[in-house]
Every structure is written in structure tokens, then in C-alpha cells.
Amino acid sequence: MDIALHSDGSPRLIRDIAKSQNLSEKYVANLIVKLRSKGILKSTLGVYGGYMLNKDPKDITLLEVFEAMEGKLSIVKCVECPSTCKKSKTCKARSAWSGINREIAAMFAKKSVLDVMEE
């Protein structure tokens, strides 16, 4: 969000993000690695280097950001990985959790970074 809010065409430095958000540079660097590996951010090298959004904020969904940071959205482990529970094939609750998980994912997919910026 910091990079989106400060996008003026020039890359954003980790130290500037960390200072602006009152976070450690190490923590911000870890976030950057995850977002970059999923194609949400791009980096530029050199004196004027740093990090920028790889696409327009309206084209980046909150689901993309969440899954880049946390992995596949799953409110309970058995939703995405049924093998973690012996009862997953017959569990009535798993069906309910799966439905709720789909609804949450759909909500995240409908909301973009731009939507959050404008709120």
C-alpha cells in the first residue's frame, strides 16, 4: 500500500517504506521479496533504483496480495489440504468451511489496491 500511495513514477526505497510505516527495514525487505516473487512489485537497480508496482493498482486484487504474503487463502487447513485431517472426506463442517472460504476469496478478489487507496 505504501508503494501504491507514493507512486509518482519513481521507485520507492526499502528504508523510506520502513520509515513511513514505522517498520524495520528487515521486515519490509521480507515483504518486498514475497510481493516481488509473485509479480506484484518490480525492482530497478542503480542510484535511482528501488521498488514499484508491476501493474496498475486497479489491477492488483487483495486476494493476490494476501496470497503473496500468506499463501493460499484457507481459513482452516483442511479446506486447501484435505490430507491434513482423517475425517475430511466425511466431515460436514469442512463443507461449510469450504463455502465460507470461497466467499472470502471472492470478496478479496473483487477489491483492488486502488479501491483500498480510495477508501
PDB file of N, CA and C in Angstrom:
ATOM      1  N   MET A   1       0.834  -1.189   0.000  1.00  0.00           N
ATOM      2  CA  MET A   1       0.000   0.000   0.000  1.00  0.00           C
ATOM      3  C   MET A   1       0.878   1.252   0.000  1.00  0.00           C
ATOM      4  N   ASP A   2       1.967   1.212   0.760  1.00  0.00           N
ATOM      5  CA  ASP A   2       2.864   2.370   0.812  1.00  0.00           C
ATOM      6  C   ASP A   2       3.398   2.695  -0.575  1.00  0.00           C
ATOM      7  N   ILE A   3       3.804   1.684  -1.311  1.00  0.00           N
ATOM      8  CA  ILE A   3       4.343   1.917  -2.653  1.00  0.00           C
ATOM      9  C   ILE A   3       3.254   2.482  -3.561  1.00  0.00           C
ATOM     10  N   ALA A   4       2.050   1.956  -3.455  1.00  0.00           N
ATOM     11  CA  ALA A   4       0.938   2.453  -4.273  1.00  0.00           C
ATOM     12  C   ALA A   4       0.622   3.911  -3.942  1.00  0.00           C
ATOM     13  N   LEU A   5       0.608   4.229  -2.672  1.00  0.00           N
ATOM     14  CA  LEU A   5       0.277   5.593  -2.249  1.00  0.00           C
ATOM     15  C   LEU A   5       1.353   6.611  -2.613  1.00  0.00           C
ATOM     16  N   HIS A   6       2.582   6.147  -2.756  1.00  0.00           N
ATOM     17  CA  HIS A   6       3.693   7.046  -3.071  1.00  0.00           C
ATOM     18  C   HIS A   6       4.181   6.873  -4.506  1.00  0.00           C
ATOM     19  N   SER A   7       3.336   6.337  -5.358  1.00  0.00           N
ATOM     20  CA  SER A   7       3.779   6.110  -6.739  1.00  0.00           C
ATOM     21  C   SER A   7       3.669   7.399  -7.540  1.00  0.00           C
ATOM     22  N   ASP A   8       4.821   7.967  -7.802  1.00  0.00           N
ATOM     23  CA  ASP A   8       4.897   9.190  -8.597  1.00  0.00           C
ATOM     24  C   ASP A   8       5.782   8.959  -9.818  1.00  0.00           C
ATOM     25  N   GLY A   9       5.977   7.684 -10.152  1.00  0.00           N
ATOM     26  CA  GLY A   9       6.829   7.333 -11.284  1.00  0.00           C
ATOM     27  C   GLY A   9       8.237   6.967 -10.893  1.00  0.00           C
ATOM     28  N   SER A  10       8.608   7.225  -9.632  1.00  0.00           N
ATOM     29  CA  SER A  10       9.957   6.864  -9.193  1.00  0.00           C
ATOM     30  C   SER A  10       9.874   5.705  -8.197  1.00  0.00           C
ATOM     31  N   PRO A  11      10.887   4.856  -8.220  1.00  0.00           N
ATOM     32  CA  PRO A  11      10.901   3.706  -7.311  1.00  0.00           C
ATOM     33  C   PRO A  11      10.982   4.129  -5.845  1.00  0.00           C
ATOM     34  N   ARG A  12      10.480   3.282  -4.997  1.00  0.00           N
ATOM     35  CA  ARG A  12      10.456   3.534  -3.545  1.00  0.00           C
ATOM     36  C   ARG A  12      11.531   2.672  -2.878  1.00  0.00           C
ATOM     37  N   LEU A  13      12.296   3.259  -1.988  1.00  0.00           N
ATOM     38  CA  LEU A  13      13.354   2.554  -1.275  1.00  0.00           C
ATOM     39  C   LEU A  13      12.803   1.850  -0.040  1.00  0.00           C
ATOM     40  N   ILE A  14      13.407   0.730   0.302  1.00  0.00           N
ATOM     41  CA  ILE A  14      13.003  -0.015   1.492  1.00  0.00           C
ATOM     42  C   ILE A  14      13.088   0.874   2.727  1.00  0.00           C
ATOM     43  N   ARG A  15      14.153   1.630   2.843  1.00  0.00           N
ATOM     44  CA  ARG A  15      14.305   2.464   4.045  1.00  0.00           C
ATOM     45  C   ARG A  15      13.207   3.517   4.147  1.00  0.00           C
ATOM     46  N   ASP A  16      12.751   4.038   2.998  1.00  0.00           N
ATOM     47  CA  ASP A  16      11.677   5.030   3.012  1.00  0.00           C
ATOM     48  C   ASP A  16      10.344   4.403   3.394  1.00  0.00           C
ATOM     49  N   ILE A  17      10.103   3.203   2.896  1.00  0.00           N
ATOM     50  CA  ILE A  17       8.876   2.480   3.256  1.00  0.00           C
ATOM     51  C   ILE A  17       8.898   2.189   4.756  1.00  0.00           C
ATOM     52  N   ALA A  18      10.018   1.673   5.234  1.00  0.00           N
ATOM     53  CA  ALA A  18      10.148   1.320   6.650  1.00  0.00           C
ATOM     54  C   ALA A  18       9.918   2.547   7.537  1.00  0.00           C
ATOM     55  N   LYS A  19      10.521   3.648   7.165  1.00  0.00           N
ATOM     56  CA  LYS A  19      10.368   4.869   7.959  1.00  0.00           C
ATOM     57  C   LYS A  19       8.921   5.364   7.922  1.00  0.00           C
ATOM     58  N   SER A  20       8.339   5.386   6.750  1.00  0.00           N
ATOM     59  CA  SER A  20       6.969   5.866   6.576  1.00  0.00           C
ATOM     60  C   SER A  20       5.959   5.018   7.346  1.00  0.00           C
ATOM     61  N   GLN A  21       6.201   3.715   7.400  1.00  0.00           N
ATOM     62  CA  GLN A  21       5.254   2.794   8.030  1.00  0.00           C
ATOM     63  C   GLN A  21       5.661   2.395   9.446  1.00  0.00           C
ATOM     64  N   ASN A  22       6.765   2.965   9.926  1.00  0.00           N
ATOM     65  CA  ASN A  22       7.268   2.662  11.261  1.00  0.00           C
ATOM     66  C   ASN A  22       7.509   1.156  11.444  1.00  0.00           C
ATOM     67  N   LEU A  23       8.207   0.583  10.473  1.00  0.00           N
ATOM     68  CA  LEU A  23       8.547  -0.843  10.476  1.00  0.00           C
ATOM     69  C   LEU A  23      10.057  -0.983  10.326  1.00  0.00           C
ATOM     70  N   SER A  24      10.568  -2.153  10.665  1.00  0.00           N
ATOM     71  CA  SER A  24      12.003  -2.372  10.469  1.00  0.00           C
ATOM     72  C   SER A  24      12.283  -2.608   8.987  1.00  0.00           C
ATOM     73  N   GLU A  25      13.469  -2.218   8.562  1.00  0.00           N
ATOM     74  CA  GLU A  25      13.866  -2.431   7.169  1.00  0.00           C
ATOM     75  C   GLU A  25      13.904  -3.922   6.841  1.00  0.00           C
ATOM     76  N   LYS A  26      14.312  -4.729   7.801  1.00  0.00           N
ATOM     77  CA  LYS A  26      14.377  -6.179   7.583  1.00  0.00           C
ATOM     78  C   LYS A  26      12.977  -6.743   7.306  1.00  0.00           C
ATOM     79  N   TYR A  27      12.004  -6.300   8.073  1.00  0.00           N
ATOM     80  CA  TYR A  27      10.630  -6.766   7.887  1.00  0.00           C
ATOM     81  C   TYR A  27      10.096  -6.332   6.517  1.00  0.00           C
ATOM     82  N   VAL A  28      10.321  -5.080   6.160  1.00  0.00           N
ATOM     83  CA  VAL A  28       9.875  -4.575   4.865  1.00  0.00           C
ATOM     84  C   VAL A  28      10.562  -5.339   3.734  1.00  0.00           C
ATOM     85  N   ALA A  29      11.845  -5.614   3.883  1.00  0.00           N
ATOM     86  CA  ALA A  29      12.575  -6.371   2.859  1.00  0.00           C
ATOM     87  C   ALA A  29      11.951  -7.750   2.661  1.00  0.00           C
ATOM     88  N   ASN A  30      11.543  -8.397   3.744  1.00  0.00           N
ATOM     89  CA  ASN A  30      10.893  -9.711   3.635  1.00  0.00           C
ATOM     90  C   ASN A  30       9.567  -9.609   2.878  1.00  0.00           C
ATOM     91  N   LEU A  31       8.808  -8.558   3.144  1.00  0.00           N
ATOM     92  CA  LEU A  31       7.541  -8.350   2.440  1.00  0.00           C
ATOM     93  C   LEU A  31       7.788  -8.111   0.952  1.00  0.00           C
ATOM     94  N   ILE A  32       8.792  -7.300   0.665  1.00  0.00           N
ATOM     95  CA  ILE A  32       9.140  -6.969  -0.721  1.00  0.00           C
ATOM     96  C   ILE A  32       9.499  -8.232  -1.499  1.00  0.00           C
ATOM     97  N   VAL A  33      10.279  -9.111  -0.893  1.00  0.00           N
ATOM     98  CA  VAL A  33      10.683 -10.360  -1.560  1.00  0.00           C
ATOM     99  C   VAL A  33       9.449 -11.161  -1.966  1.00  0.00           C
ATOM    100  N   LYS A  34       8.497 -11.294  -1.055  1.00  0.00           N
ATOM    101  CA  LYS A  34       7.275 -12.058  -1.346  1.00  0.00           C
ATOM    102  C   LYS A  34       6.464 -11.407  -2.457  1.00  0.00           C
ATOM    103  N   LEU A  35       6.280 -10.102  -2.377  1.00  0.00           N
ATOM    104  CA  LEU A  35       5.481  -9.395  -3.381  1.00  0.00           C
ATOM    105  C   LEU A  35       6.168  -9.393  -4.746  1.00  0.00           C
ATOM    106  N   ARG A  36       7.469  -9.300  -4.737  1.00  0.00           N
ATOM    107  CA  ARG A  36       8.226  -9.316  -5.994  1.00  0.00           C
ATOM    108  C   ARG A  36       8.185 -10.699  -6.643  1.00  0.00           C
ATOM    109  N   SER A  37       8.290 -11.732  -5.827  1.00  0.00           N
ATOM    110  CA  SER A  37       8.290 -13.096  -6.377  1.00  0.00           C
ATOM    111  C   SER A  37       6.957 -13.458  -7.029  1.00  0.00           C
ATOM    112  N   LYS A  38       5.888 -12.800  -6.623  1.00  0.00           N
ATOM    113  CA  LYS A  38       4.563 -13.045  -7.204  1.00  0.00           C
ATOM    114  C   LYS A  38       4.221 -12.049  -8.311  1.00  0.00           C
ATOM    115  N   GLY A  39       5.180 -11.192  -8.671  1.00  0.00           N
ATOM    116  CA  GLY A  39       4.979 -10.269  -9.778  1.00  0.00           C
ATOM    117  C   GLY A  39       4.173  -9.029  -9.439  1.00  0.00           C
ATOM    118  N   ILE A  40       3.935  -8.782  -8.170  1.00  0.00           N
ATOM    119  CA  ILE A  40       3.179  -7.598  -7.769  1.00  0.00           C
ATOM    120  C   ILE A  40       4.077  -6.365  -7.789  1.00  0.00           C
ATOM    121  N   LEU A  41       5.343  -6.567  -7.436  1.00  0.00           N
ATOM    122  CA  LEU A  41       6.325  -5.484  -7.457  1.00  0.00           C
ATOM    123  C   LEU A  41       7.421  -5.795  -8.459  1.00  0.00           C
ATOM    124  N   LYS A  42       8.070  -4.757  -8.914  1.00  0.00           N
ATOM    125  CA  LYS A  42       9.274  -4.913  -9.733  1.00  0.00           C
ATOM    126  C   LYS A  42      10.354  -4.027  -9.124  1.00  0.00           C
ATOM    127  N   SER A  43      11.578  -4.380  -9.405  1.00  0.00           N
ATOM    128  CA  SER A  43      12.690  -3.609  -8.859  1.00  0.00           C
ATOM    129  C   SER A  43      13.500  -2.988  -9.985  1.00  0.00           C
ATOM    130  N   THR A  44      14.134  -1.889  -9.659  1.00  0.00           N
ATOM    131  CA  THR A  44      15.066  -1.251 -10.580  1.00  0.00           C
ATOM    132  C   THR A  44      16.369  -1.035  -9.828  1.00  0.00           C
ATOM    133  N   LEU A  45      17.453  -1.230 -10.518  1.00  0.00           N
ATOM    134  CA  LEU A  45      18.778  -1.108  -9.917  1.00  0.00           C
ATOM    135  C   LEU A  45      19.349   0.284 -10.147  1.00  0.00           C
ATOM    136  N   GLY A  46      20.383   0.578  -9.418  1.00  0.00           N
ATOM    137  CA  GLY A  46      21.112   1.818  -9.632  1.00  0.00           C
ATOM    138  C   GLY A  46      20.814   2.884  -8.598  1.00  0.00           C
ATOM    139  N   VAL A  47      21.391   4.036  -8.815  1.00  0.00           N
ATOM    140  CA  VAL A  47      21.283   5.164  -7.895  1.00  0.00           C
ATOM    141  C   VAL A  47      19.821   5.536  -7.668  1.00  0.00           C
ATOM    142  N   TYR A  48      19.031   5.474  -8.710  1.00  0.00           N
ATOM    143  CA  TYR A  48      17.618   5.835  -8.601  1.00  0.00           C
ATOM    144  C   TYR A  48      16.731   4.593  -8.550  1.00  0.00           C
ATOM    145  N   GLY A  49      17.293   3.504  -8.067  1.00  0.00           N
ATOM    146  CA  GLY A  49      16.579   2.240  -8.010  1.00  0.00           C
ATOM    147  C   GLY A  49      15.662   2.131  -6.810  1.00  0.00           C
ATOM    148  N   GLY A  50      14.929   1.053  -6.786  1.00  0.00           N
ATOM    149  CA  GLY A  50      14.004   0.789  -5.702  1.00  0.00           C
ATOM    150  C   GLY A  50      12.896  -0.123  -6.186  1.00  0.00           C
ATOM    151  N   TYR A  51      11.714   0.015  -5.619  1.00  0.00           N
ATOM    152  CA  TYR A  51      10.599  -0.873  -5.924  1.00  0.00           C
ATOM    153  C   TYR A  51       9.376  -0.083  -6.360  1.00  0.00           C
ATOM    154  N   MET A  52       8.691  -0.663  -7.343  1.00  0.00           N
ATOM    155  CA  MET A  52       7.476  -0.057  -7.889  1.00  0.00           C
ATOM    156  C   MET A  52       6.443  -1.162  -8.096  1.00  0.00           C
ATOM    157  N   LEU A  53       5.194  -0.752  -8.209  1.00  0.00           N
ATOM    158  CA  LEU A  53       4.163  -1.716  -8.565  1.00  0.00           C
ATOM    159  C   LEU A  53       4.435  -2.207  -9.982  1.00  0.00           C
ATOM    160  N   ASN A  54       4.189  -3.478 -10.204  1.00  0.00           N
ATOM    161  CA  ASN A  54       4.419  -4.057 -11.517  1.00  0.00           C
ATOM    162  C   ASN A  54       3.220  -3.862 -12.439  1.00  0.00           C
ATOM    163  N   LYS A  55       2.077  -3.506 -11.850  1.00  0.00           N
ATOM    164  CA  LYS A  55       0.898  -3.203 -12.649  1.00  0.00           C
ATOM    165  C   LYS A  55       0.079  -2.135 -11.941  1.00  0.00           C
ATOM    166  N   ASP A  56      -0.915  -1.665 -12.613  1.00  0.00           N
ATOM    167  CA  ASP A  56      -1.766  -0.607 -12.082  1.00  0.00           C
ATOM    168  C   ASP A  56      -2.468  -1.082 -10.811  1.00  0.00           C
ATOM    169  N   PRO A  57      -2.605  -0.214  -9.793  1.00  0.00           N
ATOM    170  CA  PRO A  57      -3.274  -0.608  -8.542  1.00  0.00           C
ATOM    171  C   PRO A  57      -4.689  -1.152  -8.745  1.00  0.00           C
ATOM    172  N   LYS A  58      -5.366  -0.704  -9.794  1.00  0.00           N
ATOM    173  CA  LYS A  58      -6.716  -1.222 -10.049  1.00  0.00           C
ATOM    174  C   LYS A  58      -6.693  -2.673 -10.524  1.00  0.00           C
ATOM    175  N   ASP A  59      -5.538  -3.131 -10.974  1.00  0.00           N
ATOM    176  CA  ASP A  59      -5.398  -4.494 -11.482  1.00  0.00           C
ATOM    177  C   ASP A  59      -4.761  -5.456 -10.487  1.00  0.00           C
ATOM    178  N   ILE A  60      -4.532  -4.997  -9.278  1.00  0.00           N
ATOM    179  CA  ILE A  60      -3.964  -5.851  -8.226  1.00  0.00           C
ATOM    180  C   ILE A  60      -5.057  -6.091  -7.194  1.00  0.00           C
ATOM    181  N   THR A  61      -5.471  -7.335  -7.048  1.00  0.00           N
ATOM    182  CA  THR A  61      -6.535  -7.628  -6.089  1.00  0.00           C
ATOM    183  C   THR A  61      -5.953  -7.881  -4.700  1.00  0.00           C
ATOM    184  N   LEU A  62      -6.798  -7.696  -3.711  1.00  0.00           N
ATOM    185  CA  LEU A  62      -6.378  -8.004  -2.344  1.00  0.00           C
ATOM    186  C   LEU A  62      -6.102  -9.495  -2.193  1.00  0.00           C
ATOM    187  N   LEU A  63      -6.779 -10.325  -2.982  1.00  0.00           N
ATOM    188  CA  LEU A  63      -6.504 -11.764  -2.932  1.00  0.00           C
ATOM    189  C   LEU A  63      -5.074 -12.036  -3.391  1.00  0.00           C
ATOM    190  N   GLU A  64      -4.641 -11.372  -4.460  1.00  0.00           N
ATOM    191  CA  GLU A  64      -3.255 -11.539  -4.925  1.00  0.00           C
ATOM    192  C   GLU A  64      -2.259 -11.151  -3.839  1.00  0.00           C
ATOM    193  N   VAL A  65      -2.511 -10.019  -3.206  1.00  0.00           N
ATOM    194  CA  VAL A  65      -1.602  -9.530  -2.169  1.00  0.00           C
ATOM    195  C   VAL A  65      -1.605 -10.496  -0.986  1.00  0.00           C
ATOM    196  N   PHE A  66      -2.788 -10.888  -0.530  1.00  0.00           N
ATOM    197  CA  PHE A  66      -2.890 -11.811   0.603  1.00  0.00           C
ATOM    198  C   PHE A  66      -2.148 -13.103   0.309  1.00  0.00           C
ATOM    199  N   GLU A  67      -2.406 -13.690  -0.857  1.00  0.00           N
ATOM    200  CA  GLU A  67      -1.778 -14.976  -1.177  1.00  0.00           C
ATOM    201  C   GLU A  67      -0.276 -14.847  -1.410  1.00  0.00           C
ATOM    202  N   ALA A  68       0.178 -13.693  -1.857  1.00  0.00           N
ATOM    203  CA  ALA A  68       1.627 -13.473  -1.977  1.00  0.00           C
ATOM    204  C   ALA A  68       2.274 -13.468  -0.596  1.00  0.00           C
ATOM    205  N   MET A  69       1.559 -12.894   0.364  1.00  0.00           N
ATOM    206  CA  MET A  69       2.106 -12.759   1.710  1.00  0.00           C
ATOM    207  C   MET A  69       1.921 -14.011   2.562  1.00  0.00           C
ATOM    208  N   GLU A  70       0.763 -14.633   2.451  1.00  0.00           N
ATOM    209  CA  GLU A  70       0.384 -15.700   3.380  1.00  0.00           C
ATOM    210  C   GLU A  70       0.244 -17.083   2.747  1.00  0.00           C
ATOM    211  N   GLY A  71       0.267 -17.167   1.434  1.00  0.00           N
ATOM    212  CA  GLY A  71      -0.007 -18.426   0.761  1.00  0.00           C
ATOM    213  C   GLY A  71      -1.492 -18.523   0.445  1.00  0.00           C
ATOM    214  N   LYS A  72      -1.875 -19.643  -0.088  1.00  0.00           N
ATOM    215  CA  LYS A  72      -3.269 -19.850  -0.499  1.00  0.00           C
ATOM    216  C   LYS A  72      -4.224 -19.566   0.651  1.00  0.00           C
ATOM    217  N   LEU A  73      -5.270 -18.790   0.386  1.00  0.00           N
ATOM    218  CA  LEU A  73      -6.265 -18.457   1.397  1.00  0.00           C
ATOM    219  C   LEU A  73      -6.969 -19.724   1.858  1.00  0.00           C
ATOM    220  N   SER A  74      -6.914 -19.967   3.143  1.00  0.00           N
ATOM    221  CA  SER A  74      -7.560 -21.147   3.709  1.00  0.00           C
ATOM    222  C   SER A  74      -7.858 -20.865   5.176  1.00  0.00           C
ATOM    223  N   ILE A  75      -9.150 -20.728   5.503  1.00  0.00           N
ATOM    224  CA  ILE A  75      -9.494 -20.367   6.872  1.00  0.00           C
ATOM    225  C   ILE A  75      -9.261 -21.511   7.850  1.00  0.00           C
ATOM    226  N   VAL A  76      -9.309 -22.740   7.360  1.00  0.00           N
ATOM    227  CA  VAL A  76      -8.879 -23.908   8.142  1.00  0.00           C
ATOM    228  C   VAL A  76      -8.036 -24.783   7.224  1.00  0.00           C
ATOM    229  N   LYS A  77      -7.079 -25.459   7.768  1.00  0.00           N
ATOM    230  CA  LYS A  77      -6.086 -26.190   6.976  1.00  0.00           C
ATOM    231  C   LYS A  77      -6.705 -27.213   6.027  1.00  0.00           C
ATOM    232  N   CYS A  78      -7.765 -27.889   6.463  1.00  0.00           N
ATOM    233  CA  CYS A  78      -8.342 -28.963   5.647  1.00  0.00           C
ATOM    234  C   CYS A  78      -9.041 -28.455   4.388  1.00  0.00           C
ATOM    235  N   VAL A  79      -9.341 -27.166   4.322  1.00  0.00           N
ATOM    236  CA  VAL A  79     -10.006 -26.633   3.128  1.00  0.00           C
ATOM    237  C   VAL A  79      -9.097 -26.779   1.910  1.00  0.00           C
ATOM    238  N   GLU A  80      -7.864 -26.377   2.028  1.00  0.00           N
ATOM    239  CA  GLU A  80      -6.920 -26.463   0.913  1.00  0.00           C
ATOM    240  C   GLU A  80      -6.128 -27.765   0.891  1.00  0.00           C
ATOM    241  N   CYS A  81      -6.032 -28.406   2.026  1.00  0.00           N
ATOM    242  CA  CYS A  81      -5.211 -29.619   2.115  1.00  0.00           C
ATOM    243  C   CYS A  81      -5.978 -30.688   2.901  1.00  0.00           C
ATOM    244  N   PRO A  82      -6.930 -31.355   2.250  1.00  0.00           N
ATOM    245  CA  PRO A  82      -7.762 -32.334   2.952  1.00  0.00           C
ATOM    246  C   PRO A  82      -6.968 -33.460   3.619  1.00  0.00           C
ATOM    247  N   SER A  83      -5.785 -33.741   3.109  1.00  0.00           N
ATOM    248  CA  SER A  83      -4.996 -34.839   3.672  1.00  0.00           C
ATOM    249  C   SER A  83      -4.522 -34.555   5.101  1.00  0.00           C
ATOM    250  N   THR A  84      -4.684 -33.323   5.570  1.00  0.00           N
ATOM    251  CA  THR A  84      -4.267 -32.987   6.930  1.00  0.00           C
ATOM    252  C   THR A  84      -5.237 -33.514   7.985  1.00  0.00           C
ATOM    253  N   CYS A  85      -6.401 -34.000   7.550  1.00  0.00           N
ATOM    254  CA  CYS A  85      -7.401 -34.487   8.508  1.00  0.00           C
ATOM    255  C   CYS A  85      -7.980 -35.803   8.026  1.00  0.00           C
ATOM    256  N   LYS A  86      -7.975 -36.785   8.886  1.00  0.00           N
ATOM    257  CA  LYS A  86      -8.501 -38.106   8.538  1.00  0.00           C
ATOM    258  C   LYS A  86      -9.996 -38.071   8.227  1.00  0.00           C
ATOM    259  N   LYS A  87     -10.703 -37.095   8.768  1.00  0.00           N
ATOM    260  CA  LYS A  87     -12.149 -37.031   8.612  1.00  0.00           C
ATOM    261  C   LYS A  87     -12.605 -36.125   7.461  1.00  0.00           C
ATOM    262  N   SER A  88     -11.701 -35.620   6.692  1.00  0.00           N
ATOM    263  CA  SER A  88     -12.061 -34.607   5.705  1.00  0.00           C
ATOM    264  C   SER A  88     -13.075 -35.081   4.664  1.00  0.00           C
ATOM    265  N   LYS A  89     -13.062 -36.352   4.324  1.00  0.00           N
ATOM    266  CA  LYS A  89     -13.996 -36.864   3.310  1.00  0.00           C
ATOM    267  C   LYS A  89     -15.433 -36.926   3.813  1.00  0.00           C
ATOM    268  N   THR A  90     -15.630 -37.074   5.104  1.00  0.00           N
ATOM    269  CA  THR A  90     -16.983 -37.216   5.662  1.00  0.00           C
ATOM    270  C   THR A  90     -17.388 -36.058   6.570  1.00  0.00           C
ATOM    271  N   CYS A  91     -16.533 -35.116   6.739  1.00  0.00           N
ATOM    272  CA  CYS A  91     -16.774 -34.016   7.686  1.00  0.00           C
ATOM    273  C   CYS A  91     -17.790 -33.017   7.132  1.00  0.00           C
ATOM    274  N   LYS A  92     -18.857 -32.816   7.860  1.00  0.00           N
ATOM    275  CA  LYS A  92     -19.883 -31.848   7.460  1.00  0.00           C
ATOM    276  C   LYS A  92     -19.369 -30.414   7.629  1.00  0.00           C
ATOM    277  N   ALA A  93     -18.569 -30.184   8.629  1.00  0.00           N
ATOM    278  CA  ALA A  93     -18.047 -28.839   8.867  1.00  0.00           C
ATOM    279  C   ALA A  93     -17.118 -28.402   7.742  1.00  0.00           C
ATOM    280  N   ARG A  94     -16.375 -29.333   7.157  1.00  0.00           N
ATOM    281  CA  ARG A  94     -15.437 -28.986   6.082  1.00  0.00           C
ATOM    282  C   ARG A  94     -16.176 -28.365   4.903  1.00  0.00           C
ATOM    283  N   SER A  95     -17.335 -28.876   4.594  1.00  0.00           N
ATOM    284  CA  SER A  95     -18.132 -28.319   3.511  1.00  0.00           C
ATOM    285  C   SER A  95     -18.512 -26.867   3.812  1.00  0.00           C
ATOM    286  N   ALA A  96     -18.922 -26.607   5.038  1.00  0.00           N
ATOM    287  CA  ALA A  96     -19.274 -25.238   5.438  1.00  0.00           C
ATOM    288  C   ALA A  96     -18.045 -24.336   5.363  1.00  0.00           C
ATOM    289  N   TRP A  97     -16.912 -24.803   5.887  1.00  0.00           N
ATOM    290  CA  TRP A  97     -15.680 -24.010   5.847  1.00  0.00           C
ATOM    291  C   TRP A  97     -15.257 -23.733   4.409  1.00  0.00           C
ATOM    292  N   SER A  98     -15.425 -24.714   3.547  1.00  0.00           N
ATOM    293  CA  SER A  98     -15.046 -24.527   2.134  1.00  0.00           C
ATOM    294  C   SER A  98     -15.892 -23.435   1.484  1.00  0.00           C
ATOM    295  N   GLY A  99     -17.190 -23.452   1.771  1.00  0.00           N
ATOM    296  CA  GLY A  99     -18.072 -22.423   1.222  1.00  0.00           C
ATOM    297  C   GLY A  99     -17.714 -21.042   1.722  1.00  0.00           C
ATOM    298  N   ILE A 100     -17.471 -20.944   3.014  1.00  0.00           N
ATOM    299  CA  ILE A 100     -17.079 -19.656   3.605  1.00  0.00           C
ATOM    300  C   ILE A 100     -15.750 -19.196   3.011  1.00  0.00           C
ATOM    301  N   ASN A 101     -14.826 -20.117   2.846  1.00  0.00           N
ATOM    302  CA  ASN A 101     -13.523 -19.793   2.268  1.00  0.00           C
ATOM    303  C   ASN A 101     -13.691 -19.239   0.848  1.00  0.00           C
ATOM    304  N   ARG A 102     -14.559 -19.868   0.045  1.00  0.00           N
ATOM    305  CA  ARG A 102     -14.808 -19.381  -1.322  1.00  0.00           C
ATOM    306  C   ARG A 102     -15.390 -17.967  -1.298  1.00  0.00           C
ATOM    307  N   GLU A 103     -16.307 -17.703  -0.367  1.00  0.00           N
ATOM    308  CA  GLU A 103     -16.914 -16.377  -0.267  1.00  0.00           C
ATOM    309  C   GLU A 103     -15.887 -15.315   0.125  1.00  0.00           C
ATOM    310  N   ILE A 104     -15.032 -15.643   1.072  1.00  0.00           N
ATOM    311  CA  ILE A 104     -13.979 -14.703   1.488  1.00  0.00           C
ATOM    312  C   ILE A 104     -13.028 -14.436   0.320  1.00  0.00           C
ATOM    313  N   ALA A 105     -12.622 -15.502  -0.374  1.00  0.00           N
ATOM    314  CA  ALA A 105     -11.721 -15.340  -1.517  1.00  0.00           C
ATOM    315  C   ALA A 105     -12.367 -14.469  -2.590  1.00  0.00           C
ATOM    316  N   ALA A 106     -13.652 -14.667  -2.833  1.00  0.00           N
ATOM    317  CA  ALA A 106     -14.362 -13.863  -3.833  1.00  0.00           C
ATOM    318  C   ALA A 106     -14.393 -12.391  -3.420  1.00  0.00           C
ATOM    319  N   MET A 107     -14.608 -12.131  -2.142  1.00  0.00           N
ATOM    320  CA  MET A 107     -14.611 -10.742  -1.652  1.00  0.00           C
ATOM    321  C   MET A 107     -13.238 -10.104  -1.835  1.00  0.00           C
ATOM    322  N   PHE A 108     -12.181 -10.836  -1.500  1.00  0.00           N
ATOM    323  CA  PHE A 108     -10.823 -10.327  -1.669  1.00  0.00           C
ATOM    324  C   PHE A 108     -10.512 -10.096  -3.150  1.00  0.00           C
ATOM    325  N   ALA A 109     -11.013 -10.974  -4.006  1.00  0.00           N
ATOM    326  CA  ALA A 109     -10.742 -10.864  -5.442  1.00  0.00           C
ATOM    327  C   ALA A 109     -11.467  -9.680  -6.070  1.00  0.00           C
ATOM    328  N   LYS A 110     -12.574  -9.257  -5.486  1.00  0.00           N
ATOM    329  CA  LYS A 110     -13.346  -8.128  -6.027  1.00  0.00           C
ATOM    330  C   LYS A 110     -12.746  -6.779  -5.645  1.00  0.00           C
ATOM    331  N   LYS A 111     -11.944  -6.741  -4.615  1.00  0.00           N
ATOM    332  CA  LYS A 111     -11.398  -5.486  -4.096  1.00  0.00           C
ATOM    333  C   LYS A 111      -9.960  -5.332  -4.597  1.00  0.00           C
ATOM    334  N   SER A 112      -9.669  -4.155  -5.147  1.00  0.00           N
ATOM    335  CA  SER A 112      -8.321  -3.896  -5.652  1.00  0.00           C
ATOM    336  C   SER A 112      -7.544  -3.000  -4.695  1.00  0.00           C
ATOM    337  N   VAL A 113      -6.259  -2.911  -4.927  1.00  0.00           N
ATOM    338  CA  VAL A 113      -5.417  -1.992  -4.163  1.00  0.00           C
ATOM    339  C   VAL A 113      -5.925  -0.562  -4.357  1.00  0.00           C
ATOM    340  N   LEU A 114      -6.354  -0.224  -5.565  1.00  0.00           N
ATOM    341  CA  LEU A 114      -6.887   1.115  -5.820  1.00  0.00           C
ATOM    342  C   LEU A 114      -8.143   1.364  -4.969  1.00  0.00           C
ATOM    343  N   ASP A 115      -9.007   0.362  -4.852  1.00  0.00           N
ATOM    344  CA  ASP A 115     -10.205   0.515  -4.017  1.00  0.00           C
ATOM    345  C   ASP A 115      -9.820   0.889  -2.589  1.00  0.00           C
ATOM    346  N   VAL A 116      -8.823   0.217  -2.060  1.00  0.00           N
ATOM    347  CA  VAL A 116      -8.382   0.484  -0.681  1.00  0.00           C
ATOM    348  C   VAL A 116      -7.766   1.886  -0.603  1.00  0.00           C
ATOM    349  N   MET A 117      -7.005   2.257  -1.601  1.00  0.00           N
ATOM    350  CA  MET A 117      -6.391   3.594  -1.618  1.00  0.00           C
ATOM    351  C   MET A 117      -7.455   4.682  -1.588  1.00  0.00           C
ATOM    352  N   GLU A 118      -8.563   4.440  -2.254  1.00  0.00           N
ATOM    353  CA  GLU A 118      -9.606   5.459  -2.371  1.00  0.00           C
ATOM    354  C   GLU A 118     -10.539   5.494  -1.167  1.00  0.00           C
ATOM    355  N   GLU A 119     -10.489   4.489  -0.323  1.00  0.00           N
ATOM    356  CA  GLU A 119     -11.386   4.438   0.837  1.00  0.00           C
ATOM    357  C   GLU A 119     -10.890   5.329   1.959  1.00  0.00           C
TER     358      GLU A 119
END
